[in-house]
């Protein structure tokens, strides 16, 4: 899906609800977010099956991205370690 999105960088809202995100997907998503032509303003990772390392990688990319205006992690089990 990320590969397809790279062909048309006009996406503003990305909703990845109830998806398993493992390290290969986290790396792809992080690289996509960090692209200079990425226009995502809203990212939803609701009820994601995501580990600490994967979320950390994505959060690092989001921290560096200046285009993101809203992030949703609703219905996720977030521990102190993850936060």
C-alpha atoms as a PDB file:
ATOM      1  CA  UNK A   1       0.000   0.000   0.000  1.00  0.00           C
ATOM      2  CA  UNK A   2       2.812   2.423   0.869  1.00  0.00           C
ATOM      3  CA  UNK A   3       4.458   1.713  -2.480  1.00  0.00           C
ATOM      4  CA  UNK A   4       1.199   2.672  -4.239  1.00  0.00           C
ATOM      5  CA  UNK A   5       0.881   5.836  -2.160  1.00  0.00           C
ATOM      6  CA  UNK A   6       4.353   6.956  -3.218  1.00  0.00           C
ATOM      7  CA  UNK A   7       3.100   7.279  -6.790  1.00  0.00           C
ATOM      8  CA  UNK A   8       0.531   9.898  -5.790  1.00  0.00           C
ATOM      9  CA  UNK A   9       1.691  11.959  -2.839  1.00  0.00           C
ATOM     10  CA  UNK A  10      -1.540  13.949  -2.436  1.00  0.00           C
ATOM     11  CA  UNK A  11      -3.010  11.831   0.376  1.00  0.00           C
ATOM     12  CA  UNK A  12      -3.899  13.971   3.415  1.00  0.00           C
ATOM     13  CA  UNK A  13      -5.558  11.422   5.741  1.00  0.00           C
ATOM     14  CA  UNK A  14      -4.261   7.878   6.274  1.00  0.00           C
ATOM     15  CA  UNK A  15      -6.356   5.495   8.370  1.00  0.00           C
ATOM     16  CA  UNK A  16      -4.692   2.191   9.287  1.00  0.00           C
ATOM     17  CA  UNK A  17      -7.242   0.788  11.725  1.00  0.00           C
ATOM     18  CA  UNK A  18      -6.912  -2.717  13.193  1.00  0.00           C
ATOM     19  CA  UNK A  19      -3.782  -3.496  11.192  1.00  0.00           C
ATOM     20  CA  UNK A  20      -0.769  -5.498  12.217  1.00  0.00           C
ATOM     21  CA  UNK A  21       2.281  -3.294  11.802  1.00  0.00           C
ATOM     22  CA  UNK A  22       5.544  -5.179  12.109  1.00  0.00           C
ATOM     23  CA  UNK A  23       9.059  -3.842  11.552  1.00  0.00           C
ATOM     24  CA  UNK A  24       9.055  -4.038   7.717  1.00  0.00           C
ATOM     25  CA  UNK A  25       5.786  -2.070   7.574  1.00  0.00           C
ATOM     26  CA  UNK A  26       6.980   0.365  10.252  1.00  0.00           C
ATOM     27  CA  UNK A  27      10.130   1.072   8.230  1.00  0.00           C
ATOM     28  CA  UNK A  28       8.114   1.675   5.058  1.00  0.00           C
ATOM     29  CA  UNK A  29       5.638   3.927   6.845  1.00  0.00           C
ATOM     30  CA  UNK A  30       8.415   5.890   8.556  1.00  0.00           C
ATOM     31  CA  UNK A  31      10.285   6.434   5.302  1.00  0.00           C
ATOM     32  CA  UNK A  32       7.036   7.510   3.635  1.00  0.00           C
ATOM     33  CA  UNK A  33       6.281  10.015   6.413  1.00  0.00           C
ATOM     34  CA  UNK A  34       9.777  11.499   6.163  1.00  0.00           C
ATOM     35  CA  UNK A  35       9.604  12.141   2.427  1.00  0.00           C
ATOM     36  CA  UNK A  36       9.694  15.855   1.606  1.00  0.00           C
ATOM     37  CA  UNK A  37       6.706  15.456  -0.718  1.00  0.00           C
ATOM     38  CA  UNK A  38       4.561  13.610   1.858  1.00  0.00           C
ATOM     39  CA  UNK A  39       1.399  15.591   2.604  1.00  0.00           C
ATOM     40  CA  UNK A  40      -0.230  13.437   5.294  1.00  0.00           C
ATOM     41  CA  UNK A  41      -1.870  15.723   7.843  1.00  0.00           C
ATOM     42  CA  UNK A  42      -3.818  13.081   9.774  1.00  0.00           C
ATOM     43  CA  UNK A  43      -2.664   9.574  10.679  1.00  0.00           C
ATOM     44  CA  UNK A  44      -4.896   7.070  12.460  1.00  0.00           C
ATOM     45  CA  UNK A  45      -3.363   3.936  13.948  1.00  0.00           C
ATOM     46  CA  UNK A  46      -6.448   2.912  15.909  1.00  0.00           C
ATOM     47  CA  UNK A  47      -6.537  -0.592  17.393  1.00  0.00           C
ATOM     48  CA  UNK A  48      -3.193  -1.340  15.766  1.00  0.00           C
ATOM     49  CA  UNK A  49      -1.303  -4.512  16.501  1.00  0.00           C
ATOM     50  CA  UNK A  50       2.034  -2.785  16.930  1.00  0.00           C
ATOM     51  CA  UNK A  51       5.038  -3.426  19.142  1.00  0.00           C
ATOM     52  CA  UNK A  52       7.159  -0.999  21.111  1.00  0.00           C
ATOM     53  CA  UNK A  53      10.055  -0.911  18.628  1.00  0.00           C
ATOM     54  CA  UNK A  54       7.756  -0.439  15.641  1.00  0.00           C
ATOM     55  CA  UNK A  55       5.818   2.363  17.323  1.00  0.00           C
ATOM     56  CA  UNK A  56       9.056   4.017  18.419  1.00  0.00           C
ATOM     57  CA  UNK A  57      10.310   4.069  14.822  1.00  0.00           C
ATOM     58  CA  UNK A  58       7.053   5.579  13.548  1.00  0.00           C
ATOM     59  CA  UNK A  59       6.920   8.143  16.371  1.00  0.00           C
ATOM     60  CA  UNK A  60      10.480   9.236  15.608  1.00  0.00           C
ATOM     61  CA  UNK A  61       9.499   9.885  11.989  1.00  0.00           C
ATOM     62  CA  UNK A  62       6.358  11.739  13.064  1.00  0.00           C
ATOM     63  CA  UNK A  63       8.414  13.894  15.418  1.00  0.00           C
ATOM     64  CA  UNK A  64      10.607  14.977  12.502  1.00  0.00           C
ATOM     65  CA  UNK A  65       7.676  15.524  10.101  1.00  0.00           C
ATOM     66  CA  UNK A  66       6.323  19.050  10.048  1.00  0.00           C
ATOM     67  CA  UNK A  67       3.244  18.266   7.965  1.00  0.00           C
ATOM     68  CA  UNK A  68       1.385  16.067  10.477  1.00  0.00           C
ATOM     69  CA  UNK A  69      -1.379  17.889  12.354  1.00  0.00           C
ATOM     70  CA  UNK A  70      -3.213  15.003  14.051  1.00  0.00           C
ATOM     71  CA  UNK A  71      -2.290  11.515  15.245  1.00  0.00           C
ATOM     72  CA  UNK A  72      -4.816   9.051  16.645  1.00  0.00           C
ATOM     73  CA  UNK A  73      -3.819   5.972  18.624  1.00  0.00           C
ATOM     74  CA  UNK A  74      -7.321   5.253  19.930  1.00  0.00           C
ATOM     75  CA  UNK A  75      -8.094   1.846  21.406  1.00  0.00           C
ATOM     76  CA  UNK A  76      -4.426   0.860  21.712  1.00  0.00           C
ATOM     77  CA  UNK A  77      -2.789  -0.565  24.818  1.00  0.00           C
ATOM     78  CA  UNK A  78      -0.220   2.147  25.543  1.00  0.00           C
ATOM     79  CA  UNK A  79       2.124   1.478  28.429  1.00  0.00           C
ATOM     80  CA  UNK A  80       4.531   3.878  30.071  1.00  0.00           C
ATOM     81  CA  UNK A  81       7.311   2.205  28.071  1.00  0.00           C
ATOM     82  CA  UNK A  82       5.593   2.964  24.777  1.00  0.00           C
ATOM     83  CA  UNK A  83       4.709   6.537  25.708  1.00  0.00           C
END
